[in-house]
Protein backbone atom coordinates (compact mmCIF):
# COMPACT_ATOMS: atom_id res chain seq x y z
CA UNK A 1 -16.18 23.04 10.15
CA UNK A 2 -19.71 21.58 11.03
CA UNK A 3 -21.68 19.80 9.08
CA UNK A 4 -25.00 18.28 10.18
CA UNK A 5 -25.19 14.62 11.08
CA UNK A 6 -28.17 14.17 8.14
CA UNK A 7 -25.70 16.23 5.80
CA UNK A 8 -23.18 13.64 5.84
CA UNK A 9 -25.57 10.82 6.05
CA UNK A 10 -26.21 12.44 2.54
CA UNK A 11 -22.76 12.85 1.56
CA UNK A 12 -21.21 9.58 2.58
CA UNK A 13 -23.80 7.59 2.59
CA UNK A 14 -25.54 5.04 5.30
CA UNK A 15 -29.37 4.58 6.59
CA UNK A 16 -29.88 7.63 9.89
CA UNK A 17 -31.02 6.51 13.20
CA UNK A 18 -31.08 9.08 15.26
CA UNK A 19 -30.68 13.53 15.18
CA UNK A 20 -30.38 14.73 11.58
CA UNK A 21 -29.65 18.16 12.50
CA UNK A 22 -27.34 17.05 14.96
CA UNK A 23 -24.10 19.04 14.66
CA UNK A 24 -20.91 17.26 14.30
CA UNK A 25 -17.79 19.06 14.41
CA UNK A 26 -15.13 16.66 13.18
CA UNK A 27 -14.11 12.42 13.50
CA UNK A 28 -12.00 10.99 15.98
CA UNK A 29 -11.24 7.26 17.37
CA UNK A 30 -14.17 5.26 19.40
CA UNK A 31 -12.28 5.10 22.64
CA UNK A 32 -11.25 9.01 21.91
CA UNK A 33 -14.01 10.94 20.24
CA UNK A 34 -15.81 13.85 22.11
CA UNK A 35 -18.84 14.95 22.51
CA UNK A 36 -20.10 16.62 19.16
CA UNK A 37 -17.60 14.04 17.20
CA UNK A 38 -18.35 11.19 14.75
CA UNK A 39 -16.90 7.66 15.25
CA UNK A 40 -17.26 4.47 14.23
CA UNK A 41 -17.53 0.79 14.70
CA UNK A 42 -16.08 -1.77 12.22
CA UNK A 43 -14.86 -4.76 14.06
CA UNK A 44 -18.00 -6.21 16.25
CA UNK A 45 -14.99 -6.40 19.50
CA UNK A 46 -14.90 -3.00 19.70
CA UNK A 47 -18.97 -2.55 19.96
CA UNK A 48 -18.21 -2.57 24.07
CA UNK A 49 -17.55 0.80 23.42
CA UNK A 50 -20.62 1.63 22.07
CA UNK A 51 -22.70 2.63 25.14
CA UNK A 52 -19.16 3.80 26.60
CA UNK A 53 -17.76 6.59 23.70
CA UNK A 54 -18.12 10.03 24.65
CA UNK A 55 -19.05 11.17 20.71
CA UNK A 56 -22.41 12.24 19.28
CA UNK A 57 -22.65 9.84 16.73
CA UNK A 58 -21.47 6.67 15.82
CA UNK A 59 -21.16 4.93 12.11
CA UNK A 60 -22.03 0.37 12.96
CA UNK A 61 -22.98 -2.93 11.23
CA UNK A 62 -26.32 -2.85 9.86
CA UNK A 63 -26.69 -5.72 12.82
CA UNK A 64 -25.80 -3.51 15.93
CA UNK A 65 -27.19 -3.71 18.96
CA UNK A 66 -29.50 0.52 19.45
CA UNK A 67 -27.87 2.54 21.71
CA UNK A 68 -30.24 5.30 22.73
CA UNK A 69 -28.00 7.57 23.73
CA UNK A 70 -26.34 7.82 20.43
CA UNK A 71 -27.19 8.67 17.16
CA UNK A 72 -26.21 5.92 15.06
CA UNK A 73 -25.31 5.55 11.46
CA UNK A 74 -26.13 1.66 10.40
CA UNK A 75 -23.93 0.73 6.95
CA UNK A 76 -22.89 -2.35 5.52
CA UNK A 77 -19.28 -1.11 5.12
CA UNK A 78 -18.84 0.82 7.88
CA UNK A 79 -15.51 1.98 7.56
CA UNK A 80 -16.22 3.08 3.84
CA UNK A 81 -18.91 5.16 5.60
CA UNK A 82 -16.15 6.50 7.92
CA UNK A 83 -13.97 7.24 5.12
CA UNK A 84 -16.15 9.32 3.12
CA UNK A 85 -16.70 11.48 6.70
CA UNK A 86 -12.76 11.88 7.08
CA UNK A 87 -13.44 13.26 3.17
CA UNK A 88 -15.59 15.38 4.52
CA UNK A 89 -14.21 17.14 7.35
CA UNK A 90 -10.20 17.02 6.04
CA UNK A 91 -10.91 18.10 1.92
CA UNK A 92 -7.16 17.90 -0.11
CA UNK A 93 -7.28 21.51 -0.62
CA UNK A 94 -7.54 22.09 2.51
CA UNK A 95 -3.72 20.60 3.25
CA UNK A 96 -1.52 23.44 0.81
CA UNK A 97 -3.00 26.66 -0.36
CA UNK A 98 -4.02 27.63 -4.19
CA UNK A 99 -1.59 28.75 -6.54
CA UNK A 100 1.92 28.86 -7.25
CA UNK A 101 4.13 29.78 -4.89
CA UNK A 102 7.00 32.65 -5.88
CA UNK A 103 9.45 30.60 -5.18
CA UNK A 104 8.69 27.53 -7.11
CA UNK A 105 10.54 27.85 -11.28
CA UNK A 106 8.71 26.32 -13.75
CA UNK A 107 10.55 25.62 -17.03
CA UNK A 108 9.77 26.94 -20.30
CA UNK A 109 6.95 25.28 -22.29
CA UNK A 110 5.57 23.78 -19.44
CA UNK A 111 1.94 23.22 -19.48
CA UNK A 112 -0.28 24.12 -15.93
CA UNK A 113 -3.80 23.47 -15.86
CA UNK A 114 -6.01 25.40 -13.74
CA UNK A 115 -6.64 25.55 -9.75
CA UNK A 116 -2.81 23.90 -9.01
CA UNK A 117 -1.32 23.94 -5.87
CA UNK A 118 2.34 24.69 -6.16
CA UNK A 119 4.58 25.14 -3.48
CA UNK A 120 8.18 26.49 -2.48
CA UNK A 121 11.19 25.44 -4.22
CA UNK A 122 9.00 23.03 -6.15
CA UNK A 123 10.89 22.67 -9.83
CA UNK A 124 8.68 21.99 -13.07
CA UNK A 125 11.19 20.91 -15.85
CA UNK A 126 10.98 21.81 -19.67
CA UNK A 127 7.95 21.08 -21.61
CA UNK A 128 5.93 19.32 -18.26
CA UNK A 129 2.37 18.93 -18.08
CA UNK A 130 0.68 19.27 -14.71
CA UNK A 131 -3.31 18.75 -14.63
CA UNK A 132 -5.93 20.67 -13.62
CA UNK A 133 -6.66 20.85 -9.29
CA UNK A 134 -2.62 18.86 -8.59
CA UNK A 135 -0.92 19.62 -5.50
CA UNK A 136 2.87 19.90 -5.80
CA UNK A 137 4.03 20.46 -2.14
CA UNK A 138 7.01 22.44 -1.24
CA UNK A 139 10.38 20.89 -3.39
CA UNK A 140 8.91 18.59 -5.19
CA UNK A 141 10.73 17.90 -8.91
CA UNK A 142 9.30 17.10 -11.67
CA UNK A 143 11.81 16.07 -14.22
CA UNK A 144 11.76 17.42 -18.24
CA UNK A 145 8.95 16.22 -20.69
CA UNK A 146 6.91 14.07 -17.34
CA UNK A 147 3.24 14.45 -17.21
CA UNK A 148 1.24 14.77 -14.44
CA UNK A 149 -2.64 14.71 -14.48
CA UNK A 150 -5.72 16.11 -12.80
CA UNK A 151 -6.29 16.30 -8.97
CA UNK A 152 -3.00 14.47 -7.99
CA UNK A 153 -0.97 15.02 -4.79
CA UNK A 154 2.89 14.92 -4.67
CA UNK A 155 3.28 15.98 -1.08
CA UNK A 156 6.76 17.47 -0.40
CA UNK A 157 9.78 16.18 -1.45
CA UNK A 158 9.14 13.94 -3.96
CA UNK A 159 11.18 13.50 -7.30
CA UNK A 160 9.68 12.67 -10.43
CA UNK A 161 12.23 11.93 -12.84
CA UNK A 162 11.84 12.83 -16.87
CA UNK A 163 10.00 11.26 -19.28
CA UNK A 164 8.04 9.78 -16.86
CA UNK A 165 3.75 9.50 -17.13
CA UNK A 166 1.22 9.43 -14.02
CA UNK A 167 -2.58 9.67 -14.19
CA UNK A 168 -5.73 11.30 -12.84
CA UNK A 169 -5.65 11.34 -8.58
CA UNK A 170 -2.50 9.93 -7.93
CA UNK A 171 -1.74 10.46 -4.54
CA UNK A 172 2.49 10.19 -3.91
CA UNK A 173 3.71 10.85 -0.44
CA UNK A 174 7.24 12.27 0.99
CA UNK A 175 10.22 11.41 -0.35
CA UNK A 176 9.29 8.94 -3.57
CA UNK A 177 11.19 9.07 -6.57
CA UNK A 178 9.63 7.83 -9.22
CA UNK A 179 11.98 6.90 -12.50
CA UNK A 180 15.29 6.29 -10.86
CA UNK A 181 17.84 4.22 -12.67
CA UNK A 182 17.18 0.68 -12.81
CA UNK A 183 20.17 -1.60 -11.75
CA UNK A 184 21.66 -2.85 -14.19
CA UNK A 185 25.76 -3.15 -15.72
CA UNK A 186 27.71 -5.37 -17.38
CA UNK A 187 30.55 -6.94 -16.17
CA UNK A 188 33.84 -6.91 -18.56
CA UNK A 189 36.89 -8.04 -17.86
CA UNK A 190 36.13 -7.78 -13.77
CA UNK A 191 34.80 -3.98 -13.83
CA UNK A 192 31.20 -3.19 -14.21
CA UNK A 193 29.62 -1.01 -16.82
CA UNK A 194 26.08 0.85 -16.71
CA UNK A 195 23.48 -0.17 -19.12
CA UNK A 196 21.36 3.41 -19.88
CA UNK A 197 17.94 2.90 -18.55
CA UNK A 198 16.29 4.82 -21.69
CA UNK A 199 12.86 3.24 -20.81
CA UNK A 200 10.45 5.21 -18.50
CA UNK A 201 7.76 4.70 -15.63
CA UNK A 202 4.30 4.92 -15.81
CA UNK A 203 1.76 5.47 -12.98
CA UNK A 204 -1.86 4.86 -14.07
CA UNK A 205 -5.39 6.66 -12.52
CA UNK A 206 -6.29 6.51 -8.65
CA UNK A 207 -2.43 4.91 -7.41
CA UNK A 208 -1.00 5.64 -4.17
CA UNK A 209 2.31 5.75 -3.49
CA UNK A 210 3.97 5.49 0.01
CA UNK A 211 6.87 7.68 2.05
CA UNK A 212 9.88 6.67 0.15
CA UNK A 213 9.19 3.94 -2.04
CA UNK A 214 11.47 3.80 -5.47
CA UNK A 215 10.27 3.16 -8.49
CA UNK A 216 13.10 2.29 -11.40
CA UNK A 217 12.34 3.02 -14.92
CA UNK A 218 12.41 0.29 -17.11
CA UNK A 219 15.84 -0.55 -19.43
CA UNK A 220 13.70 -0.48 -22.55
CA UNK A 221 9.72 0.49 -23.00
CA UNK A 222 7.86 0.70 -19.27
CA UNK A 223 7.35 -0.20 -15.88
CA UNK A 224 4.25 0.33 -14.68
CA UNK A 225 1.20 0.42 -11.81
CA UNK A 226 -1.80 0.09 -13.14
CA UNK A 227 -5.00 1.61 -11.68
CA UNK A 228 -6.09 1.70 -8.35
CA UNK A 229 -3.00 0.06 -6.89
CA UNK A 230 -1.74 0.89 -3.08
CA UNK A 231 1.98 0.73 -2.31
CA UNK A 232 2.84 1.41 1.32
CA UNK A 233 5.96 3.32 2.03
CA UNK A 234 9.89 2.09 1.91
CA UNK A 235 8.99 -0.03 -1.06
CA UNK A 236 11.23 -0.86 -4.16
CA UNK A 237 9.68 -1.76 -7.68
CA UNK A 238 12.29 -2.58 -9.77
CA UNK A 239 12.94 -2.01 -13.30
CA UNK A 240 10.28 -3.24 -15.99
CA UNK A 241 8.00 -4.28 -13.15
CA UNK A 242 4.03 -4.55 -13.65
CA UNK A 243 2.27 -3.98 -10.72
CA UNK A 244 -1.76 -5.05 -11.57
CA UNK A 245 -5.41 -3.14 -10.55
CA UNK A 246 -6.24 -2.92 -7.49
CA UNK A 247 -3.20 -4.62 -6.04
CA UNK A 248 -1.65 -3.92 -2.06
CA UNK A 249 1.29 -3.79 -1.64
CA UNK A 250 3.04 -3.48 2.49
CA UNK A 251 5.63 -1.99 3.73
CA UNK A 252 9.55 -2.96 2.81
CA UNK A 253 8.35 -5.43 0.22
CA UNK A 254 11.40 -5.97 -2.56
CA UNK A 255 11.20 -6.66 -6.29
CA UNK A 256 13.52 -7.68 -8.80
CA UNK A 257 13.92 -6.43 -12.32
CA UNK A 258 10.66 -7.76 -14.75
CA UNK A 259 8.42 -9.00 -11.80
CA UNK A 260 4.83 -9.16 -13.42
CA UNK A 261 2.06 -8.73 -10.47
CA UNK A 262 -1.60 -9.30 -11.28
CA UNK A 263 -4.61 -7.98 -10.33
CA UNK A 264 -6.47 -7.63 -7.26
CA UNK A 265 -3.10 -9.10 -5.45
CA UNK A 266 -2.10 -8.97 -1.85
CA UNK A 267 1.13 -8.53 -0.95
CA UNK A 268 2.40 -8.96 2.94
CA UNK A 269 4.73 -6.53 4.35
CA UNK A 270 8.89 -7.91 3.52
CA UNK A 271 7.95 -10.16 0.73
CA UNK A 272 10.80 -10.80 -1.55
CA UNK A 273 10.50 -11.55 -5.57
CA UNK A 274 13.38 -12.88 -7.04
CA UNK A 275 12.40 -11.18 -10.60
CA UNK A 276 11.50 -12.45 -14.21
CA UNK A 277 8.22 -14.27 -13.07
CA UNK A 278 5.09 -13.36 -12.22
CA UNK A 279 2.14 -13.69 -9.18
CA UNK A 280 -1.46 -14.56 -10.99
CA UNK A 281 -5.08 -12.43 -10.39
CA UNK A 282 -5.92 -12.80 -6.84
CA UNK A 283 -2.94 -14.58 -5.01
CA UNK A 284 -1.86 -13.60 -1.63
CA UNK A 285 2.10 -13.29 -1.09
CA UNK A 286 2.29 -13.41 3.21
CA UNK A 287 4.55 -11.26 5.51
CA UNK A 288 8.53 -12.13 4.42
CA UNK A 289 7.88 -14.88 1.86
CA UNK A 290 10.63 -15.34 -0.77
CA UNK A 291 8.78 -15.40 -4.16
CA UNK A 292 11.46 -17.88 -6.70
CA UNK A 293 8.93 -18.99 -9.09
CA UNK A 294 5.87 -17.94 -10.17
CA UNK A 295 2.44 -17.84 -8.99
CA UNK A 296 -0.97 -19.33 -9.97
CA UNK A 297 -4.09 -16.76 -9.94
CA UNK A 298 -5.97 -17.29 -6.25
CA UNK A 299 -3.39 -19.10 -4.74
CA UNK A 300 -1.80 -17.90 -1.41
CA UNK A 301 2.09 -18.31 -0.62
CA UNK A 302 4.09 -18.21 2.67
CA UNK A 303 7.48 -18.74 3.31
CA UNK A 304 11.22 -18.66 2.00
CA UNK A 305 11.32 -20.36 -0.90
CA UNK A 306 7.60 -19.44 -0.77
CA UNK A 307 5.45 -22.34 -1.24
CA UNK A 308 1.38 -22.84 -0.91
CA UNK A 309 0.19 -21.51 2.90
CA UNK A 310 -0.95 -24.98 3.57
CA UNK A 311 1.97 -26.71 3.02
CA UNK A 312 4.16 -24.17 4.60
CA UNK A 313 2.32 -24.62 7.46
CA UNK A 314 2.58 -28.38 7.41
CA UNK A 315 6.57 -27.47 7.36
CA UNK A 316 6.47 -25.27 10.16
CA UNK A 317 4.16 -27.58 12.53
CA UNK A 318 7.04 -30.62 11.54
CA UNK A 319 9.58 -27.97 12.55
CA UNK A 320 8.27 -26.78 16.06
CA UNK A 321 8.35 -30.86 16.88
CA UNK A 322 11.67 -31.32 16.00
CA UNK A 323 13.28 -31.16 19.31
CA UNK A 324 10.89 -33.88 20.46
CA UNK A 325 11.09 -36.63 16.97
CA UNK A 326 15.44 -35.87 17.81
CA UNK A 327 14.43 -36.97 21.79
CA UNK A 328 12.48 -40.04 19.96
CA UNK A 329 14.95 -41.07 17.96
CA UNK A 330 18.23 -41.05 20.21
CA UNK A 331 15.83 -42.94 22.52
CA UNK A 332 15.15 -45.42 19.75
CA UNK A 333 19.27 -45.51 18.80
CA UNK A 334 19.66 -46.37 22.27
CA UNK A 335 17.04 -48.91 22.74
CA UNK A 336 18.42 -50.68 18.96
CA UNK A 337 21.73 -50.54 20.65
CA UNK A 338 21.07 -52.18 23.59
CA UNK A 339 19.29 -54.89 21.94
CA UNK A 340 22.24 -55.66 19.10
CA UNK A 341 24.75 -55.64 22.59
CA UNK A 342 22.33 -58.61 24.53
CA UNK A 343 21.86 -60.61 20.42
CA UNK A 344 25.96 -60.13 19.89
CA UNK A 345 26.15 -61.74 23.91
CA UNK A 346 23.90 -64.08 23.28
CA UNK A 347 25.60 -65.33 19.95
CA UNK A 348 22.61 -64.79 17.95
C-alpha cells in the first residue's frame, strides 16, 4: 500500500512542510525507518535523530528545527498524528478476511450484522447479537444471549460468557475472559458453598481490553467498564466493580469486589485494590500501590498502604536514612552511658 505524503497529512492531520507528492509505503521507528517510510518524533530527546534518520518524512512538534533533507508534518501532537498514520497503513479489516468461515458455529436465533469476519472454530451461542463490521477471530466464544456491538475486534480465543453486553468499537485481545463467575462463597460448618453469580458484565463503547484480562460477572446487577477505558494485559476486575470513562489501567493490576474507579483515573502497573472502596475522578495510583481506603478526586497515591504521594516520598526518604540514624543513636547512647558512668564514679 502506498499513499502520498499529502494524502497522509490530509487524513491524519498536521501541517505539511515538503513534497506533497512524496510516496510513502509504510511507517517505522526513527532509528530503523527506511527510505520511503514515515516516522515521528514526540519526545524532544529524539530530535538528535532528525538529521540521521533514513525515513523520507518525519512527523515532528511544531517547534522542531528545520530538516532540509526531509519532508515534515508539523503537529501539536505528533504521536496522535503518527497513530492515525499507522491506522491508514494497517486498517483493522486487514487482520482477518471478511465472511463467515465454514468451521464457525452459529447458534439458533442469533442475529448477525453485515460485513462480519468470523474465523474458524468461533462459536456464537443461541440468541446472540453481533453488530455490523465486527471481527471475531479464530476460536472466539460468545455465550448464549450475549451481544457484541458494531465494528468490534475480538482477537482469537477471547471468551465472552452468557448474557454479557459489549458496546461498539470495542477491542478485546487474545485470551481475555469476560463474564466468568465472581469469587463468592459462604462458609458453613467448615465448608465453602458457592454463591450463584447471576449478574452480568457491561462493556461500553470504545473500550480496549488487553490479553488475558479477566472481568468477572456481578453477583447481582453488573460489573461495568465505561466508555473509552483502556485496560492493559493481565488485569483482574472482580465482581460488581466499576471502571470509569477514559480511565487507563496498566498491567497486572487487581481489583477486589465492588471497587469503584472514577473517570480519567490513571493506574500504574501491579496496583491492588482491597474492594468496597472508591477512587475519585482524575486520581493517579502509582505502580505497586496497595489501595485500602477511598482516594479523593485528583489525588496521587503510592506505597502500601497507599497514601498521598508526597507523604510517601517523605517516608521513603526517612527510611533511606534509617541506617545513618541508627548509627547516630548508638553513638549517642554510648556517650550517654559514658557520662552516666563518670557521674556515678564522681558521686553525683
